[in-house]
């Protein structure tokens, strides 16, 4: 099963429009919650995220390990609007930029400003901070209910029996 998921992820990553750095981080494998969220959104897809304030899962990756936190984000015209808020233990919210001060400028120079804040398949782009953290948001309310996973073919010995 792990091999099948790995193959699925490799094809999904190649087909997606991540920056070269984003692609390489996926191919390394990441421990923690990120892989489960990313896999679910890639496999199931998501509806377009409507305008308004929405609950988000904020995945923070550092040195191939991830942690996920609850937050809120406002969306306008299919793009998230800053500030993104991260939820604290006491149920208050704080801007995420109080934790991550600066986006990596080399990474930022390689991005298209027109698409930087777009939400595709219920996910934001993966951002890189100048401290080496990677941050990506997921919009769980918009994930499709159907899995959409492809049906596997039976073994050739069963499907291609003599006489067919």
C-alpha atoms as a PDB file:
ATOM      1  CA  UNK A   1       0.000   0.000   0.000  1.00  0.00           C
ATOM      2  CA  UNK A   2       2.845   2.400   0.825  1.00  0.00           C
ATOM      3  CA  UNK A   3       4.409   1.814  -2.595  1.00  0.00           C
ATOM      4  CA  UNK A   4       1.104   2.569  -4.308  1.00  0.00           C
ATOM      5  CA  UNK A   5       0.661   5.771  -2.331  1.00  0.00           C
ATOM      6  CA  UNK A   6       4.245   6.771  -3.091  1.00  0.00           C
ATOM      7  CA  UNK A   7       3.683   6.282  -6.808  1.00  0.00           C
ATOM      8  CA  UNK A   8       0.463   8.274  -6.624  1.00  0.00           C
ATOM      9  CA  UNK A   9       2.199  11.128  -4.805  1.00  0.00           C
ATOM     10  CA  UNK A  10       5.091  11.204  -7.289  1.00  0.00           C
ATOM     11  CA  UNK A  11       2.698  11.594 -10.218  1.00  0.00           C
ATOM     12  CA  UNK A  12       0.642  14.190  -8.376  1.00  0.00           C
ATOM     13  CA  UNK A  13       3.718  16.221  -7.504  1.00  0.00           C
ATOM     14  CA  UNK A  14       5.079  16.145 -11.025  1.00  0.00           C
ATOM     15  CA  UNK A  15       1.727  17.259 -12.413  1.00  0.00           C
ATOM     16  CA  UNK A  16       1.355  20.075  -9.905  1.00  0.00           C
ATOM     17  CA  UNK A  17       2.857  23.506 -10.307  1.00  0.00           C
ATOM     18  CA  UNK A  18       5.139  23.647  -7.293  1.00  0.00           C
ATOM     19  CA  UNK A  19       8.390  25.528  -7.470  1.00  0.00           C
ATOM     20  CA  UNK A  20      11.440  23.294  -7.801  1.00  0.00           C
ATOM     21  CA  UNK A  21      12.087  23.656  -4.067  1.00  0.00           C
ATOM     22  CA  UNK A  22       8.490  22.707  -3.276  1.00  0.00           C
ATOM     23  CA  UNK A  23       8.736  19.646  -5.499  1.00  0.00           C
ATOM     24  CA  UNK A  24      11.953  18.483  -3.870  1.00  0.00           C
ATOM     25  CA  UNK A  25      10.497  18.795  -0.365  1.00  0.00           C
ATOM     26  CA  UNK A  26       7.665  16.438  -1.329  1.00  0.00           C
ATOM     27  CA  UNK A  27       9.973  13.847  -2.814  1.00  0.00           C
ATOM     28  CA  UNK A  28      12.013  13.682   0.409  1.00  0.00           C
ATOM     29  CA  UNK A  29       9.062  12.486   2.462  1.00  0.00           C
ATOM     30  CA  UNK A  30       7.720  14.385   5.421  1.00  0.00           C
ATOM     31  CA  UNK A  31       6.853  13.002   8.837  1.00  0.00           C
ATOM     32  CA  UNK A  32       3.782  14.213  10.695  1.00  0.00           C
ATOM     33  CA  UNK A  33       0.389  15.522   9.656  1.00  0.00           C
ATOM     34  CA  UNK A  34       1.299  17.220   6.368  1.00  0.00           C
ATOM     35  CA  UNK A  35       1.418  14.087   4.215  1.00  0.00           C
ATOM     36  CA  UNK A  36      -2.003  12.935   5.387  1.00  0.00           C
ATOM     37  CA  UNK A  37      -3.636  16.305   4.653  1.00  0.00           C
ATOM     38  CA  UNK A  38      -1.857  16.741   1.335  1.00  0.00           C
ATOM     39  CA  UNK A  39      -2.690  13.185   0.238  1.00  0.00           C
ATOM     40  CA  UNK A  40      -6.365  13.606   1.122  1.00  0.00           C
ATOM     41  CA  UNK A  41      -6.663  16.849  -0.851  1.00  0.00           C
ATOM     42  CA  UNK A  42      -4.789  15.459  -3.876  1.00  0.00           C
ATOM     43  CA  UNK A  43      -6.854  12.250  -3.909  1.00  0.00           C
ATOM     44  CA  UNK A  44     -10.253  13.809  -3.269  1.00  0.00           C
ATOM     45  CA  UNK A  45      -9.916  17.273  -4.757  1.00  0.00           C
ATOM     46  CA  UNK A  46     -11.899  20.199  -3.444  1.00  0.00           C
ATOM     47  CA  UNK A  47     -14.572  22.642  -4.464  1.00  0.00           C
ATOM     48  CA  UNK A  48     -13.648  26.229  -5.200  1.00  0.00           C
ATOM     49  CA  UNK A  49     -13.239  28.140  -1.947  1.00  0.00           C
ATOM     50  CA  UNK A  50     -15.902  30.815  -1.632  1.00  0.00           C
ATOM     51  CA  UNK A  51     -15.323  34.377  -0.520  1.00  0.00           C
ATOM     52  CA  UNK A  52     -15.413  34.960   3.233  1.00  0.00           C
ATOM     53  CA  UNK A  53     -13.631  33.876   6.392  1.00  0.00           C
ATOM     54  CA  UNK A  54     -12.887  30.149   6.640  1.00  0.00           C
ATOM     55  CA  UNK A  55     -11.322  27.700   9.062  1.00  0.00           C
ATOM     56  CA  UNK A  56      -7.959  26.422   7.796  1.00  0.00           C
ATOM     57  CA  UNK A  57      -5.366  23.872   8.754  1.00  0.00           C
ATOM     58  CA  UNK A  58      -1.921  25.455   8.707  1.00  0.00           C
ATOM     59  CA  UNK A  59       0.820  22.926   8.073  1.00  0.00           C
ATOM     60  CA  UNK A  60       4.322  23.962   9.098  1.00  0.00           C
ATOM     61  CA  UNK A  61       7.219  21.861   7.851  1.00  0.00           C
ATOM     62  CA  UNK A  62      10.752  22.089   9.167  1.00  0.00           C
ATOM     63  CA  UNK A  63      13.567  19.609   8.586  1.00  0.00           C
ATOM     64  CA  UNK A  64      11.227  16.951   7.101  1.00  0.00           C
ATOM     65  CA  UNK A  65       8.860  17.044  10.077  1.00  0.00           C
ATOM     66  CA  UNK A  66       5.452  18.693  10.110  1.00  0.00           C
ATOM     67  CA  UNK A  67       2.998  20.057  12.638  1.00  0.00           C
ATOM     68  CA  UNK A  68      -0.506  21.237  11.837  1.00  0.00           C
ATOM     69  CA  UNK A  69      -2.436  23.999  13.564  1.00  0.00           C
ATOM     70  CA  UNK A  70      -5.924  25.433  13.269  1.00  0.00           C
ATOM     71  CA  UNK A  71      -6.404  28.923  11.925  1.00  0.00           C
ATOM     72  CA  UNK A  72      -8.599  31.294   9.942  1.00  0.00           C
ATOM     73  CA  UNK A  73      -8.163  32.885   6.563  1.00  0.00           C
ATOM     74  CA  UNK A  74     -10.206  35.360   4.572  1.00  0.00           C
ATOM     75  CA  UNK A  75     -10.722  34.565   0.885  1.00  0.00           C
ATOM     76  CA  UNK A  76     -11.579  37.026  -1.863  1.00  0.00           C
ATOM     77  CA  UNK A  77     -11.844  36.081  -5.555  1.00  0.00           C
ATOM     78  CA  UNK A  78     -10.215  32.662  -5.061  1.00  0.00           C
ATOM     79  CA  UNK A  79      -7.189  34.049  -3.211  1.00  0.00           C
ATOM     80  CA  UNK A  80      -6.432  34.258   0.485  1.00  0.00           C
ATOM     81  CA  UNK A  81      -5.948  37.691   1.994  1.00  0.00           C
ATOM     82  CA  UNK A  82      -3.378  38.520   4.657  1.00  0.00           C
ATOM     83  CA  UNK A  83      -3.225  38.332   7.562  1.00  0.00           C
ATOM     84  CA  UNK A  84      -3.732  34.589   8.042  1.00  0.00           C
ATOM     85  CA  UNK A  85      -4.585  33.891  11.682  1.00  0.00           C
ATOM     86  CA  UNK A  86      -3.305  30.959  13.744  1.00  0.00           C
ATOM     87  CA  UNK A  87      -5.341  29.736  16.710  1.00  0.00           C
ATOM     88  CA  UNK A  88      -3.794  29.755  20.178  1.00  0.00           C
ATOM     89  CA  UNK A  89      -4.463  27.294  23.035  1.00  0.00           C
ATOM     90  CA  UNK A  90      -6.825  29.791  24.678  1.00  0.00           C
ATOM     91  CA  UNK A  91      -8.930  29.924  21.451  1.00  0.00           C
ATOM     92  CA  UNK A  92      -7.758  33.407  20.507  1.00  0.00           C
ATOM     93  CA  UNK A  93      -6.133  34.108  17.147  1.00  0.00           C
ATOM     94  CA  UNK A  94      -2.906  35.863  16.206  1.00  0.00           C
ATOM     95  CA  UNK A  95      -1.501  36.789  12.796  1.00  0.00           C
ATOM     96  CA  UNK A  96       0.839  34.070  11.547  1.00  0.00           C
ATOM     97  CA  UNK A  97       3.332  36.737  10.482  1.00  0.00           C
ATOM     98  CA  UNK A  98       4.094  37.271  14.186  1.00  0.00           C
ATOM     99  CA  UNK A  99       5.680  33.798  14.065  1.00  0.00           C
ATOM    100  CA  UNK A 100       7.205  33.934  10.587  1.00  0.00           C
ATOM    101  CA  UNK A 101       8.462  37.426   9.928  1.00  0.00           C
ATOM    102  CA  UNK A 102       9.771  37.145   6.374  1.00  0.00           C
ATOM    103  CA  UNK A 103       9.216  35.098   3.246  1.00  0.00           C
ATOM    104  CA  UNK A 104      12.439  33.783   1.688  1.00  0.00           C
ATOM    105  CA  UNK A 105      13.290  36.464  -0.892  1.00  0.00           C
ATOM    106  CA  UNK A 106      14.990  34.052  -3.325  1.00  0.00           C
ATOM    107  CA  UNK A 107      11.901  31.822  -3.243  1.00  0.00           C
ATOM    108  CA  UNK A 108       9.618  34.847  -3.637  1.00  0.00           C
ATOM    109  CA  UNK A 109      11.526  36.131  -6.694  1.00  0.00           C
ATOM    110  CA  UNK A 110      10.798  32.805  -8.439  1.00  0.00           C
ATOM    111  CA  UNK A 111       7.018  33.087  -7.905  1.00  0.00           C
ATOM    112  CA  UNK A 112       4.373  34.630 -10.109  1.00  0.00           C
ATOM    113  CA  UNK A 113       2.865  37.511  -8.080  1.00  0.00           C
ATOM    114  CA  UNK A 114      -0.483  37.092  -9.877  1.00  0.00           C
ATOM    115  CA  UNK A 115      -0.912  33.513  -8.596  1.00  0.00           C
ATOM    116  CA  UNK A 116       0.953  33.675  -5.285  1.00  0.00           C
ATOM    117  CA  UNK A 117      -2.144  33.715  -3.066  1.00  0.00           C
ATOM    118  CA  UNK A 118      -4.388  31.460  -5.194  1.00  0.00           C
ATOM    119  CA  UNK A 119      -6.174  28.489  -3.681  1.00  0.00           C
ATOM    120  CA  UNK A 120      -6.236  25.362  -5.856  1.00  0.00           C
ATOM    121  CA  UNK A 121      -7.956  22.103  -4.901  1.00  0.00           C
ATOM    122  CA  UNK A 122      -8.571  23.526  -1.423  1.00  0.00           C
ATOM    123  CA  UNK A 123      -4.864  24.243  -0.818  1.00  0.00           C
ATOM    124  CA  UNK A 124      -2.658  27.304  -0.828  1.00  0.00           C
ATOM    125  CA  UNK A 125       0.745  27.333  -2.428  1.00  0.00           C
ATOM    126  CA  UNK A 126       3.571  26.155  -0.192  1.00  0.00           C
ATOM    127  CA  UNK A 127       5.470  29.184   1.103  1.00  0.00           C
ATOM    128  CA  UNK A 128       9.093  29.220   2.270  1.00  0.00           C
ATOM    129  CA  UNK A 129      10.262  31.468   5.116  1.00  0.00           C
ATOM    130  CA  UNK A 130      13.714  32.927   5.508  1.00  0.00           C
ATOM    131  CA  UNK A 131      14.210  30.636   8.552  1.00  0.00           C
ATOM    132  CA  UNK A 132      13.762  27.542   6.334  1.00  0.00           C
ATOM    133  CA  UNK A 133      10.177  26.689   7.317  1.00  0.00           C
ATOM    134  CA  UNK A 134       7.620  25.676   4.697  1.00  0.00           C
ATOM    135  CA  UNK A 135       3.993  26.691   5.301  1.00  0.00           C
ATOM    136  CA  UNK A 136       0.874  25.541   3.460  1.00  0.00           C
ATOM    137  CA  UNK A 137      -2.837  25.981   4.219  1.00  0.00           C
ATOM    138  CA  UNK A 138      -5.680  23.537   3.689  1.00  0.00           C
ATOM    139  CA  UNK A 139      -9.371  24.504   3.582  1.00  0.00           C
ATOM    140  CA  UNK A 140     -11.082  21.382   5.028  1.00  0.00           C
ATOM    141  CA  UNK A 141     -14.692  22.548   4.564  1.00  0.00           C
ATOM    142  CA  UNK A 142     -14.215  22.425   0.784  1.00  0.00           C
ATOM    143  CA  UNK A 143     -12.705  18.949   0.316  1.00  0.00           C
ATOM    144  CA  UNK A 144     -14.847  16.655  -1.855  1.00  0.00           C
ATOM    145  CA  UNK A 145     -16.771  13.899  -0.113  1.00  0.00           C
ATOM    146  CA  UNK A 146     -15.953  11.336  -2.820  1.00  0.00           C
ATOM    147  CA  UNK A 147     -12.493   9.876  -2.815  1.00  0.00           C
ATOM    148  CA  UNK A 148     -12.180   9.887  -6.613  1.00  0.00           C
ATOM    149  CA  UNK A 149      -9.451   7.273  -6.264  1.00  0.00           C
ATOM    150  CA  UNK A 150      -8.930   5.274  -9.435  1.00  0.00           C
ATOM    151  CA  UNK A 151     -10.244   1.705  -9.547  1.00  0.00           C
ATOM    152  CA  UNK A 152      -7.444  -0.836  -9.765  1.00  0.00           C
ATOM    153  CA  UNK A 153      -7.423  -3.376 -12.568  1.00  0.00           C
ATOM    154  CA  UNK A 154      -7.602  -7.041 -11.617  1.00  0.00           C
ATOM    155  CA  UNK A 155      -4.511  -9.166 -12.178  1.00  0.00           C
ATOM    156  CA  UNK A 156      -3.835  -9.929 -15.861  1.00  0.00           C
ATOM    157  CA  UNK A 157      -4.308 -13.652 -15.211  1.00  0.00           C
ATOM    158  CA  UNK A 158      -7.938 -12.968 -14.250  1.00  0.00           C
ATOM    159  CA  UNK A 159      -8.791 -10.289 -16.793  1.00  0.00           C
ATOM    160  CA  UNK A 160      -7.107 -11.876 -19.802  1.00  0.00           C
ATOM    161  CA  UNK A 161      -8.412 -15.422 -19.457  1.00  0.00           C
ATOM    162  CA  UNK A 162      -8.304 -17.662 -22.541  1.00  0.00           C
ATOM    163  CA  UNK A 163     -11.348 -17.384 -24.732  1.00  0.00           C
ATOM    164  CA  UNK A 164     -11.928 -13.653 -24.233  1.00  0.00           C
END
